[in-house]
C-alpha atoms as a PDB file:
ATOM      1  CA  MET A   1     134.689  56.626 -81.074  1.00  0.00           C
ATOM      2  CA  ASP A   2     131.168  55.478 -81.825  1.00  0.00           C
ATOM      3  CA  PRO A   3     129.691  57.658 -84.618  1.00  0.00           C
ATOM      4  CA  ASP A   4     126.075  57.246 -83.495  1.00  0.00           C
ATOM      5  CA  GLU A   5     126.833  58.078 -79.894  1.00  0.00           C
ATOM      6  CA  THR A   6     129.123  60.971 -80.836  1.00  0.00           C
ATOM      7  CA  ALA A   7     126.514  62.423 -83.185  1.00  0.00           C
ATOM      8  CA  ALA A   8     123.787  62.124 -80.557  1.00  0.00           C
ATOM      9  CA  ARG A   9     125.887  63.880 -77.931  1.00  0.00           C
ATOM     10  CA  LEU A  10     126.844  66.627 -80.364  1.00  0.00           C
ATOM     11  CA  GLY A  11     123.255  67.044 -81.557  1.00  0.00           C
ATOM     12  CA  VAL A  12     124.200  66.563 -85.219  1.00  0.00           C
ATOM     13  CA  ALA A  13     123.509  63.993 -87.929  1.00  0.00           C
ATOM     14  CA  VAL A  14     125.628  60.838 -87.877  1.00  0.00           C
ATOM     15  CA  GLU A  15     126.480  61.511 -91.542  1.00  0.00           C
ATOM     16  CA  ASP A  16     128.218  64.727 -90.429  1.00  0.00           C
ATOM     17  CA  VAL A  17     130.344  62.834 -87.928  1.00  0.00           C
ATOM     18  CA  ASP A  18     131.186  60.189 -90.526  1.00  0.00           C
ATOM     19  CA  ARG A  19     132.284  62.907 -92.954  1.00  0.00           C
ATOM     20  CA  VAL A  20     134.717  64.432 -90.455  1.00  0.00           C
ATOM     21  CA  ARG A  21     136.077  61.005 -89.529  1.00  0.00           C
ATOM     22  CA  ARG A  22     136.499  60.031 -93.178  1.00  0.00           C
ATOM     23  CA  LEU A  23     138.204  63.266 -94.306  1.00  0.00           C
ATOM     24  CA  ALA A  24     140.407  63.724 -91.228  1.00  0.00           C
ATOM     25  CA  GLY A  25     141.286  60.061 -90.646  1.00  0.00           C
ATOM     26  CA  ASP A  26     144.437  59.843 -88.559  1.00  0.00           C
ATOM     27  CA  LEU A  27     145.994  62.922 -90.152  1.00  0.00           C
ATOM     28  CA  PRO A  28     147.919  65.357 -87.945  1.00  0.00           C
ATOM     29  CA  SER A  29     146.087  68.175 -86.189  1.00  0.00           C
ATOM     30  CA  ALA A  30     147.714  71.330 -84.813  1.00  0.00           C
ATOM     31  CA  PRO A  31     147.826  72.705 -81.257  1.00  0.00           C
ATOM     32  CA  LEU A  32     146.145  75.872 -80.114  1.00  0.00           C
ATOM     33  CA  PRO A  33     148.434  78.750 -79.170  1.00  0.00           C
ATOM     34  CA  ALA A  34     149.339  79.059 -75.519  1.00  0.00           C
ATOM     35  CA  LYS A  35     146.421  80.500 -73.592  1.00  0.00           C
ATOM     36  CA  ALA A  36     148.631  83.343 -72.310  1.00  0.00           C
ATOM     37  CA  ASP A  37     149.355  84.357 -75.918  1.00  0.00           C
ATOM     38  CA  ALA A  38     145.758  84.109 -77.088  1.00  0.00           C
ATOM     39  CA  PRO A  39     144.541  87.631 -76.162  1.00  0.00           C
ATOM     40  CA  ALA A  40     147.262  89.278 -78.264  1.00  0.00           C
ATOM     41  CA  ILE A  41     146.579  86.907 -81.173  1.00  0.00           C
ATOM     42  CA  LEU A  42     142.840  87.564 -81.004  1.00  0.00           C
ATOM     43  CA  ASP A  43     143.561  91.278 -81.107  1.00  0.00           C
ATOM     44  CA  ARG A  44     145.715  90.854 -84.225  1.00  0.00           C
ATOM     45  CA  LEU A  45     142.886  88.831 -85.759  1.00  0.00           C
ATOM     46  CA  GLY A  46     140.530  91.765 -85.320  1.00  0.00           C
ATOM     47  CA  VAL A  47     138.386  90.024 -82.711  1.00  0.00           C
ATOM     48  CA  ARG A  48     136.317  92.492 -80.701  1.00  0.00           C
ATOM     49  CA  PRO A  49     136.628  92.509 -76.900  1.00  0.00           C
ATOM     50  CA  ASP A  50     133.180  90.959 -76.351  1.00  0.00           C
ATOM     51  CA  ASP A  51     133.901  88.065 -78.712  1.00  0.00           C
ATOM     52  CA  ALA A  52     137.431  87.670 -77.370  1.00  0.00           C
ATOM     53  CA  ALA A  53     136.097  87.472 -73.818  1.00  0.00           C
ATOM     54  CA  GLU A  54     133.751  84.652 -74.807  1.00  0.00           C
ATOM     55  CA  ILE A  55     136.529  82.776 -76.585  1.00  0.00           C
ATOM     56  CA  MET A  56     138.816  83.071 -73.579  1.00  0.00           C
ATOM     57  CA  ALA A  57     136.006  82.003 -71.217  1.00  0.00           C
ATOM     58  CA  GLY A  58     135.468  78.831 -73.236  1.00  0.00           C
ATOM     59  CA  TRP A  59     139.151  78.040 -73.759  1.00  0.00           C
ATOM     60  CA  PRO A  60     139.700  74.257 -74.041  1.00  0.00           C
ATOM     61  CA  ASP A  61     141.910  73.849 -70.993  1.00  0.00           C
ATOM     62  CA  PRO A  62     142.704  70.187 -70.242  1.00  0.00           C
ATOM     63  CA  ASP A  63     140.538  70.247 -67.123  1.00  0.00           C
ATOM     64  CA  SER A  64     137.708  72.414 -68.512  1.00  0.00           C
ATOM     65  CA  PRO A  65     134.279  70.932 -67.738  1.00  0.00           C
ATOM     66  CA  LEU A  66     132.889  72.756 -70.783  1.00  0.00           C
ATOM     67  CA  TRP A  67     134.709  70.409 -73.141  1.00  0.00           C
ATOM     68  CA  THR A  68     133.193  66.968 -73.467  1.00  0.00           C
ATOM     69  CA  PRO A  69     135.184  64.165 -75.123  1.00  0.00           C
ATOM     70  CA  GLU A  70     133.011  64.583 -78.239  1.00  0.00           C
ATOM     71  CA  LEU A  71     133.784  68.291 -78.488  1.00  0.00           C
ATOM     72  CA  ARG A  72     137.500  67.673 -78.037  1.00  0.00           C
ATOM     73  CA  TRP A  73     137.402  64.997 -80.732  1.00  0.00           C
ATOM     74  CA  LEU A  74     135.556  67.308 -83.140  1.00  0.00           C
ATOM     75  CA  LEU A  75     137.973  70.186 -82.540  1.00  0.00           C
ATOM     76  CA  ASP A  76     141.008  67.982 -83.093  1.00  0.00           C
ATOM     77  CA  ARG A  77     139.638  66.295 -86.226  1.00  0.00           C
ATOM     78  CA  SER A  78     138.286  69.541 -87.718  1.00  0.00           C
ATOM     79  CA  VAL A  79     141.737  71.070 -87.496  1.00  0.00           C
ATOM     80  CA  ALA A  80     143.207  67.947 -89.132  1.00  0.00           C
ATOM     81  CA  LEU A  81     140.556  68.043 -91.864  1.00  0.00           C
ATOM     82  CA  VAL A  82     141.346  71.633 -92.816  1.00  0.00           C
ATOM     83  CA  ARG A  83     145.107  71.233 -92.424  1.00  0.00           C
ATOM     84  CA  ALA A  84     145.066  68.260 -94.792  1.00  0.00           C
ATOM     85  CA  ASP A  85     143.854  70.597 -97.567  1.00  0.00           C
ATOM     86  CA  LEU A  86     146.463  73.317 -96.973  1.00  0.00           C
ATOM     87  CA  GLY A  87     146.863  75.153-100.267  1.00  0.00           C
ATOM     88  CA  GLY A  88     143.439  74.057-101.489  1.00  0.00           C
ATOM     89  CA  HIS A  89     140.911  76.605-102.662  1.00  0.00           C
ATOM     90  CA  GLY A  90     137.543  74.820-102.746  1.00  0.00           C
ATOM     91  CA  TRP A  91     134.610  75.248-100.371  1.00  0.00           C
ATOM     92  CA  LEU A  92     135.335  73.117 -97.288  1.00  0.00           C
ATOM     93  CA  PRO A  93     132.979  72.881 -94.295  1.00  0.00           C
ATOM     94  CA  PRO A  94     135.223  72.089 -91.305  1.00  0.00           C
ATOM     95  CA  GLY A  95     132.492  70.122 -89.553  1.00  0.00           C
ATOM     96  CA  PRO A  96     128.803  70.158 -88.700  1.00  0.00           C
ATOM     97  CA  ALA A  97     126.979  73.244 -87.481  1.00  0.00           C
ATOM     98  CA  LEU A  98     126.655  72.856 -83.723  1.00  0.00           C
ATOM     99  CA  PRO A  99     123.861  73.951 -81.371  1.00  0.00           C
ATOM    100  CA  ARG A 100     125.654  77.122 -80.345  1.00  0.00           C
ATOM    101  CA  ASP A 101     123.346  78.006 -77.452  1.00  0.00           C
ATOM    102  CA  ARG A 102     125.061  75.407 -75.252  1.00  0.00           C
ATOM    103  CA  GLY A 103     127.885  77.718 -74.249  1.00  0.00           C
ATOM    104  CA  PRO A 104     131.163  79.184 -75.501  1.00  0.00           C
ATOM    105  CA  ALA A 105     132.836  75.839 -76.235  1.00  0.00           C
ATOM    106  CA  TRP A 106     130.007  74.973 -78.615  1.00  0.00           C
ATOM    107  CA  ARG A 107     129.577  78.490 -79.965  1.00  0.00           C
ATOM    108  CA  HIS A 108     133.236  79.025 -80.791  1.00  0.00           C
ATOM    109  CA  LEU A 109     134.547  75.543 -81.570  1.00  0.00           C
ATOM    110  CA  TYR A 110     135.455  76.510 -85.128  1.00  0.00           C
ATOM    111  CA  ALA A 111     137.045  79.747 -83.940  1.00  0.00           C
ATOM    112  CA  TYR A 112     139.365  77.588 -81.813  1.00  0.00           C
ATOM    113  CA  ALA A 113     140.058  75.469 -84.903  1.00  0.00           C
ATOM    114  CA  TYR A 114     140.955  78.658 -86.786  1.00  0.00           C
ATOM    115  CA  LEU A 115     143.296  79.730 -83.981  1.00  0.00           C
ATOM    116  CA  ALA A 116     145.036  76.354 -84.122  1.00  0.00           C
ATOM    117  CA  LEU A 117     145.641  76.858 -87.848  1.00  0.00           C
ATOM    118  CA  VAL A 118     147.010  80.416 -87.689  1.00  0.00           C
ATOM    119  CA  ASP A 119     150.655  79.347 -87.391  1.00  0.00           C
ATOM    120  CA  VAL A 120     150.128  76.606 -89.993  1.00  0.00           C
ATOM    121  CA  VAL A 121     148.825  78.995 -92.642  1.00  0.00           C
ATOM    122  CA  ARG A 122     151.330  81.722 -91.758  1.00  0.00           C
ATOM    123  CA  ALA A 123     154.102  79.191 -92.405  1.00  0.00           C
ATOM    124  CA  TYR A 124     152.476  78.433 -95.758  1.00  0.00           C
ATOM    125  CA  HIS A 125     152.418  82.167 -96.494  1.00  0.00           C
ATOM    126  CA  ARG A 126     156.106  82.507 -95.567  1.00  0.00           C
ATOM    127  CA  ASP A 127     156.975  79.613 -97.863  1.00  0.00           C
ATOM    128  CA  HIS A 128     155.378  81.624-100.676  1.00  0.00           C
ATOM    129  CA  GLY A 129     157.052  84.881 -99.695  1.00  0.00           C
ATOM    130  CA  VAL A 130     153.842  86.557 -98.529  1.00  0.00           C
ATOM    131  CA  ALA A 131     154.484  89.508 -96.219  1.00  0.00           C
ATOM    132  CA  ASP A 132     153.410  89.054 -92.612  1.00  0.00           C
ATOM    133  CA  ALA A 133     151.296  92.218 -92.847  1.00  0.00           C
ATOM    134  CA  VAL A 134     149.241  90.652 -95.643  1.00  0.00           C
ATOM    135  CA  SER A 135     148.875  87.470 -93.595  1.00  0.00           C
ATOM    136  CA  TRP A 136     147.484  89.250 -90.562  1.00  0.00           C
ATOM    137  CA  THR A 137     145.234  91.544 -92.603  1.00  0.00           C
ATOM    138  CA  THR A 138     143.797  88.514 -94.378  1.00  0.00           C
ATOM    139  CA  LEU A 139     143.386  86.384 -91.263  1.00  0.00           C
ATOM    140  CA  ALA A 140     141.707  89.262 -89.390  1.00  0.00           C
ATOM    141  CA  ASP A 141     138.557  88.382 -91.326  1.00  0.00           C
ATOM    142  CA  LEU A 142     137.856  86.149 -88.326  1.00  0.00           C
ATOM    143  CA  GLY A 143     137.128  89.165 -86.148  1.00  0.00           C
ATOM    144  CA  ARG A 144     135.011  90.788 -88.853  1.00  0.00           C
ATOM    145  CA  ASN A 145     132.897  87.669 -89.236  1.00  0.00           C
ATOM    146  CA  LEU A 146     132.462  87.122 -85.503  1.00  0.00           C
ATOM    147  CA  ALA A 147     131.248  90.718 -85.171  1.00  0.00           C
ATOM    148  CA  ILE A 148     128.812  90.261 -88.067  1.00  0.00           C
ATOM    149  CA  ASP A 149     127.525  87.030 -86.554  1.00  0.00           C
ATOM    150  CA  ARG A 150     126.932  88.796 -83.255  1.00  0.00           C
ATOM    151  CA  ARG A 151     124.908  91.455 -85.096  1.00  0.00           C
ATOM    152  CA  MET A 152     122.982  88.627 -86.778  1.00  0.00           C
ATOM    153  CA  HIS A 153     122.261  86.939 -83.425  1.00  0.00           C
ATOM    154  CA  GLY A 154     124.052  83.794 -84.548  1.00  0.00           C
ATOM    155  CA  GLU A 155     122.271  83.478 -87.909  1.00  0.00           C
ATOM    156  CA  GLY A 156     125.411  83.922 -90.005  1.00  0.00           C
ATOM    157  CA  TRP A 157     127.921  81.517 -88.558  1.00  0.00           C
ATOM    158  CA  PRO A 158     127.139  78.222 -90.346  1.00  0.00           C
ATOM    159  CA  VAL A 159     128.209  79.870 -93.638  1.00  0.00           C
ATOM    160  CA  MET A 160     131.067  81.800 -92.081  1.00  0.00           C
ATOM    161  CA  GLN A 161     132.692  78.739 -90.494  1.00  0.00           C
ATOM    162  CA  SER A 162     133.180  77.238 -93.974  1.00  0.00           C
ATOM    163  CA  TRP A 163     134.169  80.548 -95.569  1.00  0.00           C
ATOM    164  CA  LEU A 164     136.995  80.998 -93.057  1.00  0.00           C
ATOM    165  CA  THR A 165     138.639  77.700 -94.010  1.00  0.00           C
ATOM    166  CA  LEU A 166     139.676  79.449 -97.235  1.00  0.00           C
ATOM    167  CA  HIS A 167     141.814  81.866 -95.225  1.00  0.00           C
ATOM    168  CA  ALA A 168     143.194  79.063 -93.045  1.00  0.00           C
ATOM    169  CA  ARG A 169     144.362  77.139 -96.142  1.00  0.00           C
ATOM    170  CA  GLY A 170     146.025  80.035 -97.977  1.00  0.00           C
ATOM    171  CA  ALA A 171     143.315  80.399-100.611  1.00  0.00           C
ATOM    172  CA  VAL A 172     142.147  83.964 -99.854  1.00  0.00           C
ATOM    173  CA  TYR A 173     144.214  87.148 -99.589  1.00  0.00           C
ATOM    174  CA  GLU A 174     142.925  90.574 -98.632  1.00  0.00           C
ATOM    175  CA  LEU A 175     144.665  93.134-100.825  1.00  0.00           C
ATOM    176  CA  GLY A 176     143.245  96.597-100.327  1.00  0.00           C
ATOM    177  CA  ARG A 177     139.482  96.828-100.760  1.00  0.00           C
ATOM    178  CA  LEU A 178     138.886  93.310-102.112  1.00  0.00           C
ATOM    179  CA  GLN A 179     139.568  89.758-101.040  1.00  0.00           C
ATOM    180  CA  HIS A 180     141.187  87.668-103.768  1.00  0.00           C
ATOM    181  CA  HIS A 181     140.486  83.936-103.880  1.00  0.00           C
ATOM    182  CA  ARG A 182     142.812  81.641-105.811  1.00  0.00           C
ATOM    183  CA  GLY A 183     140.962  79.384-108.239  1.00  0.00           C
ATOM    184  CA  ASP A 184     141.387  77.385-111.408  1.00  0.00           C
ATOM    185  CA  GLY A 185     142.650  79.944-113.908  1.00  0.00           C
ATOM    186  CA  ALA A 186     140.827  82.863-112.271  1.00  0.00           C
ATOM    187  CA  ILE A 187     140.934  84.968-109.140  1.00  0.00           C
ATOM    188  CA  ASP A 188     137.512  85.132-107.515  1.00  0.00           C
ATOM    189  CA  LEU A 189     136.733  88.512-105.980  1.00  0.00           C
ATOM    190  CA  HIS A 190     134.974  88.888-102.639  1.00  0.00           C
ATOM    191  CA  ILE A 191     133.800  92.148-101.123  1.00  0.00           C
ATOM    192  CA  PRO A 192     134.319  92.426 -97.365  1.00  0.00           C
ATOM    193  CA  GLU A 193     132.418  94.857 -95.192  1.00  0.00           C
ATOM    194  CA  SER A 194     135.189  97.447 -95.085  1.00  0.00           C
ATOM    195  CA  GLY A 195     134.060 100.720 -96.615  1.00  0.00           C
ATOM    196  CA  PRO A 196     132.833 102.198 -99.892  1.00  0.00           C
ATOM    197  CA  LEU A 197     133.319 100.168-103.057  1.00  0.00           C
ATOM    198  CA  THR A 198     134.756 103.096-104.986  1.00  0.00           C
ATOM    199  CA  PRO A 199     136.164 102.528-108.489  1.00  0.00           C
ATOM    200  CA  GLU A 200     139.515 103.883-107.323  1.00  0.00           C
ATOM    201  CA  ALA A 201     139.712 101.424-104.415  1.00  0.00           C
ATOM    202  CA  VAL A 202     138.683  98.522-106.640  1.00  0.00           C
ATOM    203  CA  THR A 203     141.245  99.405-109.318  1.00  0.00           C
ATOM    204  CA  ALA A 204     144.018  99.712-106.732  1.00  0.00           C
ATOM    205  CA  SER A 205     143.135  96.306-105.289  1.00  0.00           C
ATOM    206  CA  LEU A 206     143.090  94.690-108.743  1.00  0.00           C
ATOM    207  CA  ASP A 207     146.471  96.219-109.590  1.00  0.00           C
ATOM    208  CA  GLU A 208     147.890  94.897-106.332  1.00  0.00           C
ATOM    209  CA  ALA A 209     146.580  91.412-107.138  1.00  0.00           C
ATOM    210  CA  ARG A 210     148.080  91.519-110.651  1.00  0.00           C
ATOM    211  CA  ALA A 211     151.501  91.906-109.042  1.00  0.00           C
ATOM    212  CA  PHE A 212     150.870  89.700-105.990  1.00  0.00           C
ATOM    213  CA  PHE A 213     149.870  86.370-107.531  1.00  0.00           C
ATOM    214  CA  PRO A 214     152.592  86.010-110.193  1.00  0.00           C
ATOM    215  CA  ARG A 215     155.158  86.898-107.526  1.00  0.00           C
ATOM    216  CA  HIS A 216     153.948  84.497-104.822  1.00  0.00           C
ATOM    217  CA  PHE A 217     152.323  81.751-106.895  1.00  0.00           C
ATOM    218  CA  PRO A 218     154.417  81.715-110.094  1.00  0.00           C
ATOM    219  CA  ASP A 219     153.379  78.156-110.963  1.00  0.00           C
ATOM    220  CA  GLU A 220     149.702  79.129-111.121  1.00  0.00           C
ATOM    221  CA  ARG A 221     148.401  81.010-114.138  1.00  0.00           C
ATOM    222  CA  PHE A 222     145.448  83.363-113.669  1.00  0.00           C
ATOM    223  CA  THR A 223     143.912  84.851-116.781  1.00  0.00           C
ATOM    224  CA  ALA A 224     140.773  86.468-115.363  1.00  0.00           C
ATOM    225  CA  PHE A 225     139.106  88.033-112.381  1.00  0.00           C
ATOM    226  CA  ALA A 226     135.722  86.494-111.585  1.00  0.00           C
ATOM    227  CA  CYS A 227     132.924  87.115-109.123  1.00  0.00           C
ATOM    228  CA  GLY A 228     129.711  85.436-108.096  1.00  0.00           C
ATOM    229  CA  SER A 229     127.320  87.724-106.257  1.00  0.00           C
ATOM    230  CA  TRP A 230     123.878  89.245-106.112  1.00  0.00           C
ATOM    231  CA  LEU A 231     125.747  92.538-106.570  1.00  0.00           C
ATOM    232  CA  LEU A 232     126.134  91.547-110.241  1.00  0.00           C
ATOM    233  CA  ASP A 233     122.369  91.158-110.740  1.00  0.00           C
ATOM    234  CA  PRO A 234     121.434  93.483-113.642  1.00  0.00           C
ATOM    235  CA  GLN A 235     118.070  94.099-111.992  1.00  0.00           C
ATOM    236  CA  LEU A 236     119.858  96.496-109.629  1.00  0.00           C
ATOM    237  CA  ARG A 237     120.132  98.906-112.557  1.00  0.00           C
ATOM    238  CA  GLU A 238     116.385  99.425-112.331  1.00  0.00           C
ATOM    239  CA  TYR A 239     116.883 101.065-108.940  1.00  0.00           C
ATOM    240  CA  LEU A 240     120.405 102.448-108.625  1.00  0.00           C
ATOM    241  CA  PRO A 241     121.903 105.388-110.556  1.00  0.00           C
ATOM    242  CA  GLU A 242     124.480 104.669-113.237  1.00  0.00           C
ATOM    243  CA  ASP A 243     127.194 106.428-111.245  1.00  0.00           C
ATOM    244  CA  SER A 244     126.646 104.353-108.099  1.00  0.00           C
ATOM    245  CA  ASN A 245     129.613 102.314-106.914  1.00  0.00           C
ATOM    246  CA  ILE A 246     127.708  99.044-107.322  1.00  0.00           C
ATOM    247  CA  ILE A 247     126.720  99.726-110.932  1.00  0.00           C
ATOM    248  CA  ARG A 248     130.245 100.842-111.798  1.00  0.00           C
ATOM    249  CA  PHE A 249     131.541  97.619-110.233  1.00  0.00           C
ATOM    250  CA  GLN A 250     129.040  95.619-112.318  1.00  0.00           C
ATOM    251  CA  ARG A 251     130.216  97.234-115.538  1.00  0.00           C
ATOM    252  CA  ARG A 252     133.659  95.660-115.173  1.00  0.00           C
ATOM    253  CA  PHE A 253     132.222  92.177-115.746  1.00  0.00           C
ATOM    254  CA  GLU A 254     130.930  90.194-118.664  1.00  0.00           C
ATOM    255  CA  LEU A 255     128.113  88.127-117.209  1.00  0.00           C
ATOM    256  CA  GLU A 256     127.778  84.414-117.785  1.00  0.00           C
ATOM    257  CA  PRO A 257     124.346  83.130-118.877  1.00  0.00           C
ATOM    258  CA  TYR A 258     122.064  82.879-115.880  1.00  0.00           C
ATOM    259  CA  GLU A 259     121.673  79.516-114.193  1.00  0.00           C
ATOM    260  CA  GLU A 260     119.764  78.895-110.980  1.00  0.00           C
ATOM    261  CA  PRO A 261     122.501  78.175-108.405  1.00  0.00           C
ATOM    262  CA  GLU A 262     122.176  74.894-106.584  1.00  0.00           C
ATOM    263  CA  GLY A 263     121.751  75.220-102.832  1.00  0.00           C
ATOM    264  CA  LEU A 264     121.844  79.023-102.827  1.00  0.00           C
ATOM    265  CA  ASP A 265     118.904  81.422-102.524  1.00  0.00           C
ATOM    266  CA  ALA A 266     119.834  84.871-103.803  1.00  0.00           C
ATOM    267  CA  ASP A 267     117.018  86.535-101.839  1.00  0.00           C
ATOM    268  CA  VAL A 268     118.476  85.103 -98.630  1.00  0.00           C
ATOM    269  CA  GLU A 269     121.977  86.217 -99.571  1.00  0.00           C
ATOM    270  CA  VAL A 270     120.789  89.763-100.292  1.00  0.00           C
ATOM    271  CA  LEU A 271     119.231  89.957 -96.845  1.00  0.00           C
ATOM    272  CA  ARG A 272     122.354  88.453 -95.270  1.00  0.00           C
ATOM    273  CA  PHE A 273     124.709  91.015 -96.784  1.00  0.00           C
ATOM    274  CA  ALA A 274     122.533  94.109 -97.129  1.00  0.00           C
ATOM    275  CA  PHE A 275     120.804  93.907 -93.745  1.00  0.00           C
ATOM    276  CA  ARG A 276     122.719  91.282 -91.751  1.00  0.00           C
ATOM    277  CA  THR A 277     119.526  89.484 -90.798  1.00  0.00           C
ATOM    278  CA  LEU A 278     117.646  86.473 -92.107  1.00  0.00           C
ATOM    279  CA  THR A 279     114.539  86.575 -89.926  1.00  0.00           C
ATOM    280  CA  THR A 280     113.432  90.214 -89.628  1.00  0.00           C
ATOM    281  CA  PRO A 281     110.161  90.855 -91.525  1.00  0.00           C
ATOM    282  CA  LEU A 282     110.641  92.994 -94.616  1.00  0.00           C
ATOM    283  CA  ASP A 283     108.399  95.772 -93.296  1.00  0.00           C
ATOM    284  CA  ARG A 284     110.667  96.159 -90.261  1.00  0.00           C
ATOM    285  CA  LEU A 285     113.929  96.473 -92.170  1.00  0.00           C
ATOM    286  CA  PRO A 286     115.577  99.903 -92.560  1.00  0.00           C
ATOM    287  CA  ARG A 287     115.273 101.894 -95.781  1.00  0.00           C
ATOM    288  CA  ARG A 288     118.191 104.221 -95.100  1.00  0.00           C
ATOM    289  CA  THR A 289     120.124 103.773 -98.350  1.00  0.00           C
ATOM    290  CA  ALA A 290     119.314 103.470-102.027  1.00  0.00           C
ATOM    291  CA  LEU A 291     120.425  99.836-101.863  1.00  0.00           C
ATOM    292  CA  HIS A 292     118.117  99.129 -98.910  1.00  0.00           C
ATOM    293  CA  ARG A 293     115.196 100.621-100.771  1.00  0.00           C
ATOM    294  CA  ALA A 294     116.059  98.729-103.962  1.00  0.00           C
ATOM    295  CA  VAL A 295     116.213  95.378-102.175  1.00  0.00           C
ATOM    296  CA  LEU A 296     112.977  95.907-100.300  1.00  0.00           C
ATOM    297  CA  ASP A 297     110.985  97.386-103.180  1.00  0.00           C
ATOM    298  CA  HIS A 298     112.007  94.442-105.352  1.00  0.00           C
ATOM    299  CA  LEU A 299     111.093  91.781-102.784  1.00  0.00           C
ATOM    300  CA  THR A 300     107.838  93.376-101.647  1.00  0.00           C
ATOM    301  CA  ALA A 301     106.773  93.515-105.302  1.00  0.00           C
ATOM    302  CA  GLY A 302     107.018  89.725-105.309  1.00  0.00           C
ATOM    303  CA  ARG A 303     110.134  89.649-107.448  1.00  0.00           C
ATOM    304  CA  HIS A 304     113.356  87.771-106.768  1.00  0.00           C
ATOM    305  CA  TRP A 305     117.041  88.579-106.900  1.00  0.00           C
ATOM    306  CA  GLN A 306     119.539  86.556-108.912  1.00  0.00           C
ATOM    307  CA  TRP A 307     123.003  85.310-108.027  1.00  0.00           C
ATOM    308  CA  ARG A 308     125.074  86.108-111.111  1.00  0.00           C
ATOM    309  CA  ARG A 309     128.604  85.222-112.146  1.00  0.00           C
ATOM    310  CA  GLY A 310     130.848  87.316-114.344  1.00  0.00           C
ATOM    311  CA  ARG A 311     134.487  87.805-115.263  1.00  0.00           C
ATOM    312  CA  PHE A 312     136.931  90.109-117.019  1.00  0.00           C
ATOM    313  CA  PRO A 313     140.520  89.609-118.210  1.00  0.00           C
ATOM    314  CA  ALA A 314     143.276  89.877-115.640  1.00  0.00           C
END
């Protein structure tokens, strides 16, 4: 495998190919499920029919002309790369962002990698006594993210493909309203697109996590819940009422001193999560909710949002 030639044929930087080769080495990969079983698995993973149809159309059959040797190599080594960090909880891009307009094999390569890892991570869950229902609920974030990416016309996937390696390594668990991410001494909270962020739903999810992690990961000690998000930006209090779900969520946290995050633009993240678009002009975005109006009034006034981190005792 020549890195320069492989990178050129994939349309990515040679450094990206070298990274995959270095991290994956000759480590074991994992096979995809049988094609006949895939539709039922995709359904359990919450994948919508339109996305499932694309995934099935691009399936990497041995004789598929859609799959070049470079694509097959990247799929195999990306699975090995993620599998090698099973149980890890850090941010882990599975491979380079591909030019996804070249067809379903290119568009869904990392979805196929995720499918190959489903049985691997479910075995990891079983080893830790995690109920199968929790496994499937957690792993169904694939379908949620594919649907969001479709709404975003492909703008969201480069971030999502790395985010989903957390699920595939046993780092994230969806317990009620929140996703809980194992870390060093703290559980990081993530807020999926799954309904109102009511105080009651948040409290129930936190209580579930307080029982879940000592039971299934008794060797790991978590002393705090933490969160990094634009939703913790105190500037939102200028726009939203004190009894709003977002402000009540904020009040749970003690904020860390503000530091400009490296490689992350809070204004971009607000648009990603509040509007699910990165390219629509501000004057064409909807103003249906108080949050929409807050985001847009703030940005059109020439101000900027902040990505804030906070925590509270577990």
